[in-house]
Amino acid sequence: MIPEENSLILFKFGATKWMKSLKDGKVSFSCPGQYINIAKDTGNSEQGDLYEGVFARVKETDPRIEQCRGKLGEDLEILPDGDFVLLRRKSTYFIPTFCFYSFRGLDLLQNVTQPGLQQVRHDFDERMYSGFSSNAVLNVHPDDAPATLIIQARPFYEQIMQSIRREGFGIEISHINYTLFENEEFYIEPTDQRKELFYKFPQYSYQREARILLHGLKINNLNERYTLNIGPLSDEDAPLVAGIKMYFEVSADIEELDSVES
């Protein structure tokens, strides 16, 4: 039985040249500050996120604001939001981050209405193409055309971890939580693990995002990237689909479990 939280398969969307580079084993880490600037400078709220990395939304009078000032000092950023404020660490702008689309067991069950052996189809939200690629440009060069890299989760994870051990970095890998920020107020204790980078507002839930954070490395310029070489991904483990929008189907044998009385 597959745990509902486990990734079944991963996807990465982007220009063909960058997807080929990833398939060659070059995992390119950007940083949250880049996503913030994209939202500020271009208004692209799919690829960019103005509130990337916030760890709290509290009332202006909340005593935890002063506690954070004492703990974080000049690193604390306070963003006005009506009668509330959003809190973020300026240093979070520079944490190396790699994001991908993760299809999990719980996603598989969304389109299932009955048990038994069946084909389950999954369609990507249109914004995964419009927001992350240049498919609207006519006569685009093939290297810049949109592409999707389909990645088997386990081999990719093993190659990532082997490279991380070699380089000596710390690492955090997790799926994004889209429910906490539904609340009018929220607070995530700011720690060295940067857990706030695994939370986003519900409007981004269509991205089904999982992330890798690197600790022990800081990107010095928001336009810079860090490339982790993990070795090529095989055609079997990472086929590349270039130039077209796609959906996928999986064969699944769904069993209905008996409820267990507590």
C-alpha atoms as a PDB file:
ATOM      1  CA  MET A   1       0.000   0.000   0.000  1.00  0.00           C
ATOM      2  CA  ILE A   2       1.325   3.450  -0.930  1.00  0.00           C
ATOM      3  CA  PRO A   3       1.203   6.076   1.866  1.00  0.00           C
ATOM      4  CA  GLU A   4      -0.948   9.026   0.841  1.00  0.00           C
ATOM      5  CA  GLU A   5       1.841  11.536   1.619  1.00  0.00           C
ATOM      6  CA  ASN A   6       4.474   9.816  -0.537  1.00  0.00           C
ATOM      7  CA  SER A   7       5.448  11.244  -3.916  1.00  0.00           C
ATOM      8  CA  LEU A   8       4.532   8.865  -6.712  1.00  0.00           C
ATOM      9  CA  ILE A   9       6.111  10.913  -9.483  1.00  0.00           C
ATOM     10  CA  LEU A  10       7.671  14.374  -9.877  1.00  0.00           C
ATOM     11  CA  PHE A  11       7.434  16.952 -12.641  1.00  0.00           C
ATOM     12  CA  LYS A  12       9.404  20.028 -13.574  1.00  0.00           C
ATOM     13  CA  PHE A  13       8.086  22.622 -16.029  1.00  0.00           C
ATOM     14  CA  GLY A  14      10.151  25.163 -17.941  1.00  0.00           C
ATOM     15  CA  ALA A  15      12.050  26.004 -21.104  1.00  0.00           C
ATOM     16  CA  THR A  16      13.416  22.990 -22.971  1.00  0.00           C
ATOM     17  CA  LYS A  17      17.051  24.073 -22.495  1.00  0.00           C
ATOM     18  CA  TRP A  18      16.652  24.156 -18.698  1.00  0.00           C
ATOM     19  CA  MET A  19      14.822  20.844 -18.576  1.00  0.00           C
ATOM     20  CA  LYS A  20      17.614  19.272 -20.640  1.00  0.00           C
ATOM     21  CA  SER A  21      20.124  20.714 -18.185  1.00  0.00           C
ATOM     22  CA  LEU A  22      18.241  19.165 -15.256  1.00  0.00           C
ATOM     23  CA  LYS A  23      18.082  15.840 -17.064  1.00  0.00           C
ATOM     24  CA  ASP A  24      21.859  16.079 -17.461  1.00  0.00           C
ATOM     25  CA  GLY A  25      22.073  16.224 -13.664  1.00  0.00           C
ATOM     26  CA  LYS A  26      22.430  19.960 -13.054  1.00  0.00           C
ATOM     27  CA  VAL A  27      19.960  20.851 -10.279  1.00  0.00           C
ATOM     28  CA  SER A  28      19.750  24.639 -10.291  1.00  0.00           C
ATOM     29  CA  PHE A  29      18.871  26.227  -6.942  1.00  0.00           C
ATOM     30  CA  SER A  30      17.512  29.758  -6.923  1.00  0.00           C
ATOM     31  CA  CYS A  31      16.402  31.627  -3.798  1.00  0.00           C
ATOM     32  CA  PRO A  32      13.123  32.975  -2.347  1.00  0.00           C
ATOM     33  CA  GLY A  33      14.227  36.547  -2.957  1.00  0.00           C
ATOM     34  CA  GLN A  34      14.148  35.861  -6.672  1.00  0.00           C
ATOM     35  CA  TYR A  35      10.488  34.743  -6.471  1.00  0.00           C
ATOM     36  CA  ILE A  36       9.656  37.860  -4.442  1.00  0.00           C
ATOM     37  CA  ASN A  37      11.318  40.117  -7.025  1.00  0.00           C
ATOM     38  CA  ILE A  38       9.533  38.378  -9.909  1.00  0.00           C
ATOM     39  CA  ALA A  39       6.197  39.185  -8.273  1.00  0.00           C
ATOM     40  CA  LYS A  40       7.260  42.774  -7.553  1.00  0.00           C
ATOM     41  CA  ASP A  41       8.838  43.527 -10.923  1.00  0.00           C
ATOM     42  CA  THR A  42       6.654  41.599 -13.386  1.00  0.00           C
ATOM     43  CA  GLY A  43       3.372  40.918 -11.603  1.00  0.00           C
ATOM     44  CA  ASN A  44       3.762  37.201 -12.424  1.00  0.00           C
ATOM     45  CA  SER A  45       2.025  35.658  -9.416  1.00  0.00           C
ATOM     46  CA  GLU A  46       2.465  32.096 -10.699  1.00  0.00           C
ATOM     47  CA  GLN A  47       6.250  31.965 -10.851  1.00  0.00           C
ATOM     48  CA  GLY A  48       6.597  34.783  -8.324  1.00  0.00           C
ATOM     49  CA  ASP A  49       5.216  35.147  -4.814  1.00  0.00           C
ATOM     50  CA  LEU A  50       5.232  38.486  -3.028  1.00  0.00           C
ATOM     51  CA  TYR A  51       4.899  36.808   0.374  1.00  0.00           C
ATOM     52  CA  GLU A  52       7.401  34.014  -0.076  1.00  0.00           C
ATOM     53  CA  GLY A  53       8.984  33.050   3.245  1.00  0.00           C
ATOM     54  CA  VAL A  54       6.672  34.904   5.653  1.00  0.00           C
ATOM     55  CA  PHE A  55       6.472  33.143   9.008  1.00  0.00           C
ATOM     56  CA  ALA A  56       3.621  35.049  10.649  1.00  0.00           C
ATOM     57  CA  ARG A  57       0.495  37.104  10.127  1.00  0.00           C
ATOM     58  CA  VAL A  58      -0.495  38.706  13.405  1.00  0.00           C
ATOM     59  CA  LYS A  59      -2.259  41.832  14.636  1.00  0.00           C
ATOM     60  CA  GLU A  60      -0.175  44.990  14.903  1.00  0.00           C
ATOM     61  CA  THR A  61      -0.471  44.819  18.706  1.00  0.00           C
ATOM     62  CA  ASP A  62       0.669  41.202  19.039  1.00  0.00           C
ATOM     63  CA  PRO A  63       3.469  40.957  21.684  1.00  0.00           C
ATOM     64  CA  ARG A  64       5.298  38.377  19.561  1.00  0.00           C
ATOM     65  CA  ILE A  65       6.359  41.167  17.220  1.00  0.00           C
ATOM     66  CA  GLU A  66       8.545  42.665  19.943  1.00  0.00           C
ATOM     67  CA  GLN A  67       9.822  39.213  20.849  1.00  0.00           C
ATOM     68  CA  CYS A  68      10.873  38.731  17.229  1.00  0.00           C
ATOM     69  CA  ARG A  69      12.562  42.134  17.209  1.00  0.00           C
ATOM     70  CA  GLY A  70      14.577  41.078  20.221  1.00  0.00           C
ATOM     71  CA  LYS A  71      15.468  37.720  18.714  1.00  0.00           C
ATOM     72  CA  LEU A  72      16.054  38.689  15.074  1.00  0.00           C
ATOM     73  CA  GLY A  73      17.074  42.362  15.265  1.00  0.00           C
ATOM     74  CA  GLU A  74      17.741  43.886  11.840  1.00  0.00           C
ATOM     75  CA  ASP A  75      16.945  40.568  10.166  1.00  0.00           C
ATOM     76  CA  LEU A  76      13.233  41.060  10.877  1.00  0.00           C
ATOM     77  CA  GLU A  77      11.097  42.414   8.039  1.00  0.00           C
ATOM     78  CA  ILE A  78       7.615  43.741   8.885  1.00  0.00           C
ATOM     79  CA  LEU A  79       5.076  44.014   6.055  1.00  0.00           C
ATOM     80  CA  PRO A  80       1.904  46.049   6.768  1.00  0.00           C
ATOM     81  CA  ASP A  81      -1.369  44.259   5.944  1.00  0.00           C
ATOM     82  CA  GLY A  82      -4.312  46.345   7.159  1.00  0.00           C
ATOM     83  CA  ASP A  83      -4.795  45.751  10.880  1.00  0.00           C
ATOM     84  CA  PHE A  84      -2.237  42.955  10.635  1.00  0.00           C
ATOM     85  CA  VAL A  85       1.430  42.621   9.776  1.00  0.00           C
ATOM     86  CA  LEU A  86       3.326  39.874   8.006  1.00  0.00           C
ATOM     87  CA  LEU A  87       6.726  38.899   9.415  1.00  0.00           C
ATOM     88  CA  ARG A  88       9.653  37.601   7.420  1.00  0.00           C
ATOM     89  CA  ARG A  89      13.404  37.223   7.875  1.00  0.00           C
ATOM     90  CA  LYS A  90      15.514  39.176   5.398  1.00  0.00           C
ATOM     91  CA  SER A  91      18.073  36.362   5.431  1.00  0.00           C
ATOM     92  CA  THR A  92      15.421  33.978   4.096  1.00  0.00           C
ATOM     93  CA  TYR A  93      15.716  35.768   0.737  1.00  0.00           C
ATOM     94  CA  PHE A  94      19.046  33.999   0.173  1.00  0.00           C
ATOM     95  CA  ILE A  95      18.325  30.342   1.102  1.00  0.00           C
ATOM     96  CA  PRO A  96      19.055  27.995  -1.864  1.00  0.00           C
ATOM     97  CA  THR A  97      15.745  26.492  -2.954  1.00  0.00           C
ATOM     98  CA  PHE A  98      14.703  23.968  -5.599  1.00  0.00           C
ATOM     99  CA  CYS A  99      11.015  23.386  -6.321  1.00  0.00           C
ATOM    100  CA  PHE A 100       9.095  20.731  -8.237  1.00  0.00           C
ATOM    101  CA  TYR A 101       5.566  19.462  -8.822  1.00  0.00           C
ATOM    102  CA  SER A 102       4.854  16.370  -6.719  1.00  0.00           C
ATOM    103  CA  PHE A 103       2.007  13.949  -7.442  1.00  0.00           C
ATOM    104  CA  ARG A 104       1.210  12.023  -4.259  1.00  0.00           C
ATOM    105  CA  GLY A 105      -0.985   9.160  -3.181  1.00  0.00           C
ATOM    106  CA  LEU A 106      -3.571  11.595  -1.850  1.00  0.00           C
ATOM    107  CA  ASP A 107      -3.694  13.269  -5.289  1.00  0.00           C
ATOM    108  CA  LEU A 108      -4.344   9.893  -6.889  1.00  0.00           C
ATOM    109  CA  LEU A 109      -7.449   9.440  -4.749  1.00  0.00           C
ATOM    110  CA  GLN A 110      -9.001  12.783  -5.733  1.00  0.00           C
ATOM    111  CA  ASN A 111     -10.389  11.383  -9.001  1.00  0.00           C
ATOM    112  CA  VAL A 112     -11.377   7.985  -7.623  1.00  0.00           C
ATOM    113  CA  THR A 113     -15.028   7.262  -6.816  1.00  0.00           C
ATOM    114  CA  GLN A 114     -14.972   3.488  -6.312  1.00  0.00           C
ATOM    115  CA  PRO A 115     -12.528   0.686  -5.509  1.00  0.00           C
ATOM    116  CA  GLY A 116     -11.005  -1.675  -8.064  1.00  0.00           C
ATOM    117  CA  LEU A 117      -8.450  -1.711 -10.886  1.00  0.00           C
ATOM    118  CA  GLN A 118      -8.752   1.451 -12.964  1.00  0.00           C
ATOM    119  CA  GLN A 119      -7.011   4.134 -14.990  1.00  0.00           C
ATOM    120  CA  VAL A 120      -6.699   7.412 -13.127  1.00  0.00           C
ATOM    121  CA  ARG A 121      -6.105  10.548 -15.174  1.00  0.00           C
ATOM    122  CA  HIS A 122      -4.383  13.688 -13.915  1.00  0.00           C
ATOM    123  CA  ASP A 123      -4.536  17.029 -15.732  1.00  0.00           C
ATOM    124  CA  PHE A 124      -2.193  19.878 -14.871  1.00  0.00           C
ATOM    125  CA  ASP A 125      -3.596  23.300 -14.194  1.00  0.00           C
ATOM    126  CA  GLU A 126      -3.188  25.562 -17.234  1.00  0.00           C
ATOM    127  CA  ARG A 127      -1.162  27.966 -15.084  1.00  0.00           C
ATOM    128  CA  MET A 128       1.641  25.407 -14.792  1.00  0.00           C
ATOM    129  CA  TYR A 129       2.320  26.119 -18.459  1.00  0.00           C
ATOM    130  CA  SER A 130       1.350  29.784 -18.771  1.00  0.00           C
ATOM    131  CA  GLY A 131       3.188  30.852 -15.620  1.00  0.00           C
ATOM    132  CA  PHE A 132       6.357  28.782 -15.974  1.00  0.00           C
ATOM    133  CA  SER A 133       7.139  28.826 -19.680  1.00  0.00           C
ATOM    134  CA  SER A 134       7.102  30.995 -22.785  1.00  0.00           C
ATOM    135  CA  ASN A 135       4.546  28.945 -24.706  1.00  0.00           C
ATOM    136  CA  ALA A 136       2.620  32.080 -25.673  1.00  0.00           C
ATOM    137  CA  VAL A 137       5.494  33.302 -27.857  1.00  0.00           C
ATOM    138  CA  LEU A 138       5.052  32.503 -31.547  1.00  0.00           C
ATOM    139  CA  ASN A 139       7.969  31.084 -33.520  1.00  0.00           C
ATOM    140  CA  VAL A 140       9.933  30.542 -30.342  1.00  0.00           C
ATOM    141  CA  HIS A 141      13.348  28.889 -30.603  1.00  0.00           C
ATOM    142  CA  PRO A 142      13.115  25.143 -29.777  1.00  0.00           C
ATOM    143  CA  ASP A 143      15.414  25.570 -26.771  1.00  0.00           C
ATOM    144  CA  ASP A 144      12.993  28.113 -25.321  1.00  0.00           C
ATOM    145  CA  ALA A 145       9.823  26.136 -26.038  1.00  0.00           C
ATOM    146  CA  PRO A 146       7.986  24.759 -22.993  1.00  0.00           C
ATOM    147  CA  ALA A 147       8.903  21.279 -21.809  1.00  0.00           C
ATOM    148  CA  THR A 148       8.039  18.904 -18.994  1.00  0.00           C
ATOM    149  CA  LEU A 149      10.545  16.621 -17.301  1.00  0.00           C
ATOM    150  CA  ILE A 150       8.893  13.551 -15.757  1.00  0.00           C
ATOM    151  CA  ILE A 151      11.012  12.348 -12.827  1.00  0.00           C
ATOM    152  CA  GLN A 152      10.821   9.073 -10.931  1.00  0.00           C
ATOM    153  CA  ALA A 153      10.899  10.108  -7.284  1.00  0.00           C
ATOM    154  CA  ARG A 154      13.114   7.436  -5.691  1.00  0.00           C
ATOM    155  CA  PRO A 155      16.110   7.518  -8.087  1.00  0.00           C
ATOM    156  CA  PHE A 156      16.053  11.333  -8.061  1.00  0.00           C
ATOM    157  CA  TYR A 157      16.004  11.421  -4.261  1.00  0.00           C
ATOM    158  CA  GLU A 158      18.899   8.957  -4.012  1.00  0.00           C
ATOM    159  CA  GLN A 159      21.033  10.967  -6.456  1.00  0.00           C
ATOM    160  CA  ILE A 160      20.259  14.197  -4.601  1.00  0.00           C
ATOM    161  CA  MET A 161      21.188  12.718  -1.227  1.00  0.00           C
ATOM    162  CA  GLN A 162      24.412  11.204  -2.518  1.00  0.00           C
ATOM    163  CA  SER A 163      25.505  14.591  -3.855  1.00  0.00           C
ATOM    164  CA  ILE A 164      24.454  16.406  -0.674  1.00  0.00           C
ATOM    165  CA  ARG A 165      26.571  14.040   1.442  1.00  0.00           C
ATOM    166  CA  ARG A 166      29.521  14.623  -0.887  1.00  0.00           C
ATOM    167  CA  GLU A 167      29.193  18.419  -0.655  1.00  0.00           C
ATOM    168  CA  GLY A 168      28.539  18.437   3.093  1.00  0.00           C
ATOM    169  CA  PHE A 169      25.390  20.587   3.076  1.00  0.00           C
ATOM    170  CA  GLY A 170      22.407  20.317   5.360  1.00  0.00           C
ATOM    171  CA  ILE A 171      19.119  19.663   3.610  1.00  0.00           C
ATOM    172  CA  GLU A 172      15.371  19.964   4.195  1.00  0.00           C
ATOM    173  CA  ILE A 173      12.872  18.275   1.858  1.00  0.00           C
ATOM    174  CA  SER A 174       9.121  18.585   2.305  1.00  0.00           C
ATOM    175  CA  HIS A 175       5.817  19.240   0.597  1.00  0.00           C
ATOM    176  CA  ILE A 176       4.269  22.683   0.797  1.00  0.00           C
ATOM    177  CA  ASN A 177       1.450  23.169   3.307  1.00  0.00           C
ATOM    178  CA  TYR A 178      -1.338  25.299   1.793  1.00  0.00           C
ATOM    179  CA  THR A 179      -3.826  25.175   4.674  1.00  0.00           C
ATOM    180  CA  LEU A 180      -2.193  27.051   7.587  1.00  0.00           C
ATOM    181  CA  PHE A 181      -2.269  30.365   5.726  1.00  0.00           C
ATOM    182  CA  GLU A 182      -6.041  30.056   5.325  1.00  0.00           C
ATOM    183  CA  ASN A 183      -6.263  31.304   8.907  1.00  0.00           C
ATOM    184  CA  GLU A 184      -6.606  35.011   9.617  1.00  0.00           C
ATOM    185  CA  GLU A 185      -3.598  34.746  11.933  1.00  0.00           C
ATOM    186  CA  PHE A 186      -0.719  32.292  11.924  1.00  0.00           C
ATOM    187  CA  TYR A 187       2.730  32.040  13.468  1.00  0.00           C
ATOM    188  CA  ILE A 188       5.622  29.671  12.660  1.00  0.00           C
ATOM    189  CA  GLU A 189       8.495  29.865  15.112  1.00  0.00           C
ATOM    190  CA  PRO A 190      11.551  31.124  13.157  1.00  0.00           C
ATOM    191  CA  THR A 191      14.358  28.570  13.527  1.00  0.00           C
ATOM    192  CA  ASP A 192      17.463  27.546  11.611  1.00  0.00           C
ATOM    193  CA  GLN A 193      15.408  24.931   9.725  1.00  0.00           C
ATOM    194  CA  ARG A 194      13.441  27.711   7.927  1.00  0.00           C
ATOM    195  CA  LYS A 195      10.196  25.742   8.176  1.00  0.00           C
ATOM    196  CA  GLU A 196       8.267  28.780   6.945  1.00  0.00           C
ATOM    197  CA  LEU A 197       9.567  28.069   3.445  1.00  0.00           C
ATOM    198  CA  PHE A 198       7.298  25.009   3.379  1.00  0.00           C
ATOM    199  CA  TYR A 199       4.117  27.073   3.735  1.00  0.00           C
ATOM    200  CA  LYS A 200       2.296  29.118   1.104  1.00  0.00           C
ATOM    201  CA  PHE A 201      -1.077  30.769   0.638  1.00  0.00           C
ATOM    202  CA  PRO A 202      -3.909  28.545  -0.691  1.00  0.00           C
ATOM    203  CA  GLN A 203      -3.995  30.304  -4.077  1.00  0.00           C
ATOM    204  CA  TYR A 204      -0.829  28.357  -4.959  1.00  0.00           C
ATOM    205  CA  SER A 205      -2.186  24.898  -4.134  1.00  0.00           C
ATOM    206  CA  TYR A 206      -2.550  24.003  -7.844  1.00  0.00           C
ATOM    207  CA  GLN A 207       1.272  23.873  -7.988  1.00  0.00           C
ATOM    208  CA  ARG A 208       1.363  20.783  -5.690  1.00  0.00           C
ATOM    209  CA  GLU A 209       4.830  21.889  -4.736  1.00  0.00           C
ATOM    210  CA  ALA A 210       7.586  20.115  -2.871  1.00  0.00           C
ATOM    211  CA  ARG A 211      10.886  21.777  -2.059  1.00  0.00           C
ATOM    212  CA  ILE A 212      14.511  21.133  -1.307  1.00  0.00           C
ATOM    213  CA  LEU A 213      16.342  23.658   0.892  1.00  0.00           C
ATOM    214  CA  LEU A 214      20.103  23.699   1.333  1.00  0.00           C
ATOM    215  CA  HIS A 215      21.638  24.741   4.649  1.00  0.00           C
ATOM    216  CA  GLY A 216      25.252  25.729   5.022  1.00  0.00           C
ATOM    217  CA  LEU A 217      25.241  27.635   1.741  1.00  0.00           C
ATOM    218  CA  LYS A 218      24.042  31.173   1.080  1.00  0.00           C
ATOM    219  CA  ILE A 219      23.315  32.751  -2.288  1.00  0.00           C
ATOM    220  CA  ASN A 220      24.870  36.209  -2.169  1.00  0.00           C
ATOM    221  CA  ASN A 221      22.972  37.841  -5.022  1.00  0.00           C
ATOM    222  CA  LEU A 222      19.270  37.370  -5.706  1.00  0.00           C
ATOM    223  CA  ASN A 223      19.974  36.816  -9.406  1.00  0.00           C
ATOM    224  CA  GLU A 224      22.577  34.129  -8.769  1.00  0.00           C
ATOM    225  CA  ARG A 225      21.920  30.403  -8.729  1.00  0.00           C
ATOM    226  CA  TYR A 226      23.734  27.423  -7.270  1.00  0.00           C
ATOM    227  CA  THR A 227      24.099  24.273  -9.358  1.00  0.00           C
ATOM    228  CA  LEU A 228      24.295  20.908  -7.624  1.00  0.00           C
ATOM    229  CA  ASN A 229      25.644  18.203  -9.934  1.00  0.00           C
ATOM    230  CA  ILE A 230      23.910  14.900  -9.201  1.00  0.00           C
ATOM    231  CA  GLY A 231      24.797  12.998 -12.378  1.00  0.00           C
ATOM    232  CA  PRO A 232      22.590  12.403 -15.428  1.00  0.00           C
ATOM    233  CA  LEU A 233      19.015  11.171 -15.032  1.00  0.00           C
ATOM    234  CA  SER A 234      18.355   8.150 -17.243  1.00  0.00           C
ATOM    235  CA  ASP A 235      15.727   8.154 -20.006  1.00  0.00           C
ATOM    236  CA  GLU A 236      13.864   5.518 -18.035  1.00  0.00           C
ATOM    237  CA  ASP A 237      13.809   7.567 -14.828  1.00  0.00           C
ATOM    238  CA  ALA A 238      13.357  11.013 -16.389  1.00  0.00           C
ATOM    239  CA  PRO A 239      11.760  11.201 -19.851  1.00  0.00           C
ATOM    240  CA  LEU A 240      11.537  14.673 -21.391  1.00  0.00           C
ATOM    241  CA  VAL A 241       8.353  15.825 -23.123  1.00  0.00           C
ATOM    242  CA  ALA A 242       9.060  18.937 -25.198  1.00  0.00           C
ATOM    243  CA  GLY A 243       6.809  21.392 -26.965  1.00  0.00           C
ATOM    244  CA  ILE A 244       3.358  20.126 -25.908  1.00  0.00           C
ATOM    245  CA  LYS A 245       1.007  20.306 -22.970  1.00  0.00           C
ATOM    246  CA  MET A 246       0.322  16.938 -21.426  1.00  0.00           C
ATOM    247  CA  TYR A 247      -1.689  14.912 -18.945  1.00  0.00           C
ATOM    248  CA  PHE A 248      -0.877  11.514 -17.532  1.00  0.00           C
ATOM    249  CA  GLU A 249      -2.706   8.371 -16.517  1.00  0.00           C
ATOM    250  CA  VAL A 250      -1.743   5.707 -14.021  1.00  0.00           C
ATOM    251  CA  SER A 251      -3.112   2.236 -13.459  1.00  0.00           C
ATOM    252  CA  ALA A 252      -4.212   1.839  -9.856  1.00  0.00           C
ATOM    253  CA  ASP A 253      -5.820  -0.952  -7.888  1.00  0.00           C
ATOM    254  CA  ILE A 254      -7.844   0.881  -5.260  1.00  0.00           C
ATOM    255  CA  GLU A 255      -8.879  -1.014  -2.150  1.00  0.00           C
ATOM    256  CA  GLU A 256     -11.432   0.239   0.342  1.00  0.00           C
ATOM    257  CA  LEU A 257     -10.075  -0.185   3.862  1.00  0.00           C
ATOM    258  CA  ASP A 258     -12.296  -1.200   6.730  1.00  0.00           C
ATOM    259  CA  SER A 259     -12.690   1.548   9.317  1.00  0.00           C
ATOM    260  CA  VAL A 260     -10.923   0.825  12.596  1.00  0.00           C
ATOM    261  CA  GLU A 261     -12.738   1.636  15.791  1.00  0.00           C
ATOM    262  CA  SER A 262     -10.682   3.560  18.328  1.00  0.00           C
END
